[in-house]
Amino acid sequence: MVILRLNRTFLVRPTPIIDDCTDSCWRWFKGCLGTVDGTYIDVRVSEQDKARYRTRKGHIAVNVLGVCNWNMQFIYVLTDWEGSAADSRVLRDAINRPTGLRVPTSNYYLCDNGYTNGEGFLTPYGGVKYHLSEWDRGVAGPQIKQELFNLRHSSARNVIEHTFGLLKVRWAILRSHSFYPIKVQNRIIMACCFLHNVIRKEMPEDPLELELPEATEPVNDSSAEFVSTIDNNPTWNKLER
């Protein structure tokens, strides 16, 4: 496919969050380049290959690694790993490839606990509330700095899940397995990601976003009581992990 030869044209270059960023989700993560996550996309393979492509939920799929910026544009995509592969293994392969994912010194990506917290990759605290669905409206706000960090981390990292959701809403071929050979199916996934970037560039307000499930509205961490707590303990706002 010709479009795949233009990957450097369609994938965006990562740019870090700047010191004077005012975005409510991203201003806490200076130097962050974006988010990393994986998603499963159903495929059709031969009977002898099904075991390798079978996910924990029994689907026959590929584990697609996606890296996107705050504006839901793909920075890097890796499509050819089987569904049985762990997310951390796929990321490790992406980093080790000669033309794979690169993280400049002093920069990093947000990712969930399916990955290892280390240089270039920032995960949330384990054993503490994290996913936005856990911060239902009406519940008490974060009570400790780890909860505050996780809430802000989840709010920013949610952009990759939103991106994958939009990708699958737009391209019906990604919502069910096709009859193409697996090599072609992987190329189709990559091409859809490239075209997604083109659409994001040319159409910043995408009407298809209205078809995505609404994310749970997180607790507002700027409530008067909570701000008072932060003011008395300014180290909370450093969000050191």
Protein backbone atom coordinates (compact mmCIF):
# COMPACT_ATOMS: atom_id res chain seq x y z
CA MET A 1 0.00 0.00 0.00
CA VAL A 2 1.47 3.33 -1.11
CA ILE A 3 0.12 5.19 1.90
CA LEU A 4 2.28 3.10 4.25
CA ARG A 5 5.43 4.36 2.55
CA LEU A 6 4.51 7.86 3.68
CA ASN A 7 4.46 7.08 7.39
CA ARG A 8 6.81 9.96 8.20
CA THR A 9 4.39 12.28 6.45
CA PHE A 10 1.26 11.12 8.23
CA LEU A 11 2.60 10.47 11.73
CA VAL A 12 3.11 13.63 13.78
CA ARG A 13 6.31 14.63 15.54
CA PRO A 14 6.02 14.64 19.33
CA THR A 15 6.12 18.01 21.06
CA PRO A 16 6.39 18.30 24.86
CA ILE A 17 3.90 20.06 27.10
CA ILE A 18 5.36 23.50 27.79
CA ASP A 19 5.79 25.21 31.15
CA ASP A 20 3.00 27.75 30.58
CA CYS A 21 0.43 25.21 29.34
CA THR A 22 -3.07 26.12 30.53
CA ASP A 23 -4.92 22.96 29.51
CA SER A 24 -6.71 21.62 32.59
CA CYS A 25 -5.64 18.03 31.91
CA TRP A 26 -2.11 18.51 30.66
CA ARG A 27 -0.65 21.48 32.56
CA TRP A 28 0.49 19.15 35.37
CA PHE A 29 2.76 17.13 33.08
CA LYS A 30 5.51 19.42 31.84
CA GLY A 31 7.70 17.73 29.24
CA CYS A 32 5.15 15.01 28.53
CA LEU A 33 4.93 13.97 24.88
CA GLY A 34 1.60 12.13 24.98
CA THR A 35 0.16 8.78 25.95
CA VAL A 36 0.81 5.09 25.21
CA ASP A 37 -1.64 2.20 25.24
CA GLY A 38 -2.67 -0.91 23.37
CA THR A 39 -5.97 -1.97 21.86
CA TYR A 40 -7.25 -5.24 20.41
CA ILE A 41 -8.56 -5.37 16.87
CA ASP A 42 -10.21 -8.60 15.73
CA VAL A 43 -8.60 -10.43 12.82
CA ARG A 44 -9.02 -13.71 10.96
CA VAL A 45 -6.13 -16.18 11.01
CA SER A 46 -5.61 -19.85 10.23
CA GLU A 47 -6.58 -22.50 12.76
CA GLN A 48 -2.97 -23.27 13.66
CA ASP A 49 -2.32 -19.59 14.47
CA LYS A 50 -5.40 -18.93 16.58
CA ALA A 51 -3.73 -19.80 19.89
CA ARG A 52 -1.15 -17.04 19.41
CA TYR A 53 -3.77 -14.46 18.50
CA ARG A 54 -6.25 -15.36 21.24
CA THR A 55 -6.69 -12.62 23.87
CA ARG A 56 -7.49 -13.14 27.54
CA LYS A 57 -11.18 -12.72 26.68
CA GLY A 58 -11.03 -15.33 23.92
CA HIS A 59 -11.07 -12.99 20.92
CA ILE A 60 -8.81 -13.60 17.93
CA ALA A 61 -7.07 -10.28 17.56
CA VAL A 62 -3.87 -8.30 17.13
CA ASN A 63 -2.52 -6.17 19.97
CA VAL A 64 -2.03 -2.72 18.45
CA LEU A 65 0.31 -0.30 20.20
CA GLY A 66 -0.69 3.32 19.78
CA VAL A 67 1.15 6.46 20.87
CA CYS A 68 -0.69 9.75 20.51
CA ASN A 69 -0.32 13.38 21.53
CA TRP A 70 -2.74 15.55 23.50
CA ASN A 71 -4.59 16.36 20.25
CA MET A 72 -5.46 12.72 19.51
CA GLN A 73 -2.93 12.43 16.66
CA PHE A 74 -0.81 9.31 16.31
CA ILE A 75 2.92 9.65 16.88
CA TYR A 76 3.71 5.97 16.52
CA VAL A 77 1.75 2.79 15.71
CA LEU A 78 2.80 -0.86 15.83
CA THR A 79 0.27 -3.37 14.49
CA ASP A 80 1.85 -6.78 14.00
CA TRP A 81 1.79 -8.32 17.49
CA GLU A 82 -0.52 -11.22 18.33
CA GLY A 83 -3.38 -10.77 20.80
CA SER A 84 -1.72 -13.05 23.35
CA ALA A 85 1.25 -10.68 23.71
CA ALA A 86 1.42 -8.54 26.86
CA ASP A 87 1.35 -4.76 26.41
CA SER A 88 4.76 -4.38 28.04
CA ARG A 89 6.29 -6.85 25.60
CA VAL A 90 4.87 -4.98 22.61
CA LEU A 91 6.22 -1.67 23.92
CA ARG A 92 9.65 -3.20 24.54
CA ASP A 93 9.73 -4.38 20.92
CA ALA A 94 8.71 -0.91 19.70
CA ILE A 95 11.58 0.69 21.63
CA ASN A 96 14.17 -1.82 20.44
CA ARG A 97 13.36 -1.59 16.73
CA PRO A 98 15.91 0.39 14.64
CA THR A 99 13.18 2.79 13.50
CA GLY A 100 10.95 2.32 16.52
CA LEU A 101 9.63 4.57 19.27
CA ARG A 102 12.14 7.06 20.67
CA VAL A 103 11.81 9.08 23.88
CA PRO A 104 14.17 12.07 24.17
CA THR A 105 15.97 12.58 27.47
CA SER A 106 13.88 14.57 29.99
CA ASN A 107 10.65 13.73 28.14
CA TYR A 108 8.15 10.94 28.80
CA TYR A 109 4.81 9.36 27.93
CA LEU A 110 1.88 8.58 30.22
CA CYS A 111 0.82 4.94 30.37
CA ASP A 112 -1.21 2.68 32.63
CA ASN A 113 0.00 -0.06 34.96
CA GLY A 114 0.15 -2.57 32.11
CA TYR A 115 3.59 -1.04 31.52
CA THR A 116 6.63 -0.55 33.72
CA ASN A 117 7.24 2.79 35.39
CA GLY A 118 10.69 3.93 34.34
CA GLU A 119 12.71 6.36 32.29
CA GLY A 120 10.51 7.76 29.53
CA PHE A 121 7.26 6.21 30.79
CA LEU A 122 5.17 7.44 33.72
CA THR A 123 2.57 5.11 35.26
CA PRO A 124 0.03 5.78 38.04
CA TYR A 125 0.35 4.64 41.64
CA GLY A 126 -0.76 1.05 42.15
CA GLY A 127 -3.43 0.13 44.67
CA VAL A 128 -5.03 3.60 44.47
CA LYS A 129 -8.12 4.81 42.59
CA TYR A 130 -7.23 5.48 38.99
CA HIS A 131 -9.78 5.02 36.20
CA LEU A 132 -12.22 7.88 35.63
CA SER A 133 -15.12 5.50 36.22
CA GLU A 134 -13.93 5.19 39.82
CA TRP A 135 -14.34 8.93 40.35
CA ASP A 136 -18.12 9.09 40.03
CA ARG A 137 -19.77 12.43 40.57
CA GLY A 138 -20.74 13.07 44.14
CA VAL A 139 -17.94 11.08 45.77
CA ALA A 140 -15.28 12.71 47.89
CA GLY A 141 -12.31 14.19 46.07
CA PRO A 142 -8.77 12.85 46.37
CA GLN A 143 -7.71 12.54 49.99
CA ILE A 144 -4.00 11.78 49.54
CA LYS A 145 -1.40 12.94 47.04
CA GLN A 146 -1.35 9.54 45.32
CA GLU A 147 -5.07 9.84 44.55
CA LEU A 148 -4.59 13.37 43.24
CA PHE A 149 -1.76 12.22 40.99
CA ASN A 150 -3.80 9.28 39.67
CA LEU A 151 -6.84 11.44 38.96
CA ARG A 152 -4.82 13.90 36.92
CA HIS A 153 -2.85 11.12 35.22
CA SER A 154 -6.06 9.32 34.22
CA SER A 155 -7.69 12.51 32.94
CA ALA A 156 -4.76 13.17 30.61
CA ARG A 157 -4.06 9.56 29.58
CA ASN A 158 -7.73 9.06 28.66
CA VAL A 159 -6.95 10.77 25.33
CA ILE A 160 -5.47 7.53 23.91
CA GLU A 161 -8.62 5.56 24.76
CA HIS A 162 -10.70 8.31 23.17
CA THR A 163 -8.47 8.13 20.08
CA PHE A 164 -8.86 4.37 19.72
CA GLY A 165 -12.61 4.72 20.19
CA LEU A 166 -12.85 7.33 17.45
CA LEU A 167 -10.72 5.20 15.15
CA LYS A 168 -13.07 2.22 15.49
CA VAL A 169 -16.22 4.32 15.15
CA ARG A 170 -14.99 5.77 11.85
CA TRP A 171 -13.62 2.61 10.22
CA ALA A 172 -16.09 -0.28 10.25
CA ILE A 173 -13.40 -2.68 9.03
CA LEU A 174 -11.72 -2.33 12.44
CA ARG A 175 -14.83 -3.40 14.33
CA SER A 176 -14.94 -6.97 13.00
CA HIS A 177 -12.47 -9.41 11.50
CA SER A 178 -12.07 -9.37 7.74
CA PHE A 179 -11.18 -12.09 5.26
CA TYR A 180 -7.88 -10.53 4.23
CA PRO A 181 -4.57 -12.27 5.05
CA ILE A 182 -3.14 -11.16 8.38
CA LYS A 183 -0.36 -9.16 6.73
CA VAL A 184 -2.92 -7.15 4.78
CA GLN A 185 -5.11 -6.69 7.85
CA ASN A 186 -2.17 -5.18 9.74
CA ARG A 187 -1.54 -2.79 6.88
CA ILE A 188 -5.19 -1.76 6.84
CA ILE A 189 -5.02 -0.91 10.55
CA MET A 190 -1.92 1.21 9.97
CA ALA A 191 -3.51 2.98 7.01
CA CYS A 192 -6.60 3.81 9.08
CA CYS A 193 -4.36 5.39 11.73
CA PHE A 194 -2.62 7.51 9.10
CA LEU A 195 -5.93 8.67 7.63
CA HIS A 196 -7.15 9.45 11.15
CA ASN A 197 -4.25 11.89 11.51
CA VAL A 198 -5.10 13.57 8.23
CA ILE A 199 -8.71 14.04 9.35
CA ARG A 200 -7.61 15.43 12.74
CA LYS A 201 -5.40 17.94 10.96
CA GLU A 202 -8.02 19.08 8.49
CA MET A 203 -11.08 18.82 10.76
CA PRO A 204 -10.27 19.75 14.38
CA GLU A 205 -13.93 19.45 15.40
CA ASP A 206 -14.97 15.94 14.44
CA PRO A 207 -18.74 15.24 14.57
CA LEU A 208 -18.04 11.53 15.04
CA GLU A 209 -16.79 12.29 18.54
CA LEU A 210 -20.43 12.75 19.51
CA GLU A 211 -20.95 9.03 18.87
CA LEU A 212 -18.38 8.00 21.44
CA PRO A 213 -19.56 6.92 24.90
CA GLU A 214 -19.32 9.80 27.33
CA ALA A 215 -16.46 9.46 29.77
CA THR A 216 -17.36 9.55 33.42
CA GLU A 217 -16.99 13.11 34.65
CA PRO A 218 -14.14 13.08 37.17
CA VAL A 219 -14.26 14.65 40.57
CA ASN A 220 -13.32 18.31 40.42
CA ASP A 221 -9.99 18.55 42.22
CA SER A 222 -10.42 22.30 42.65
CA SER A 223 -13.10 22.16 45.34
CA ALA A 224 -12.59 24.70 48.12
CA GLU A 225 -11.84 22.09 50.76
CA PHE A 226 -9.33 20.29 48.58
CA VAL A 227 -7.58 23.47 47.44
CA SER A 228 -7.12 24.39 51.08
CA THR A 229 -5.44 21.04 51.68
CA ILE A 230 -3.13 21.57 48.71
CA ASP A 231 -2.24 25.09 49.82
CA ASN A 232 -1.11 23.70 53.16
CA ASN A 233 1.01 21.07 51.42
CA PRO A 234 2.45 22.62 48.22
CA THR A 235 4.49 19.52 47.38
CA TRP A 236 1.26 17.89 46.17
CA ASN A 237 1.25 20.07 43.07
CA LYS A 238 4.68 18.84 42.04
CA LEU A 239 3.12 15.47 41.20
CA GLU A 240 6.41 13.67 41.65
CA ARG A 241 6.10 9.98 40.85
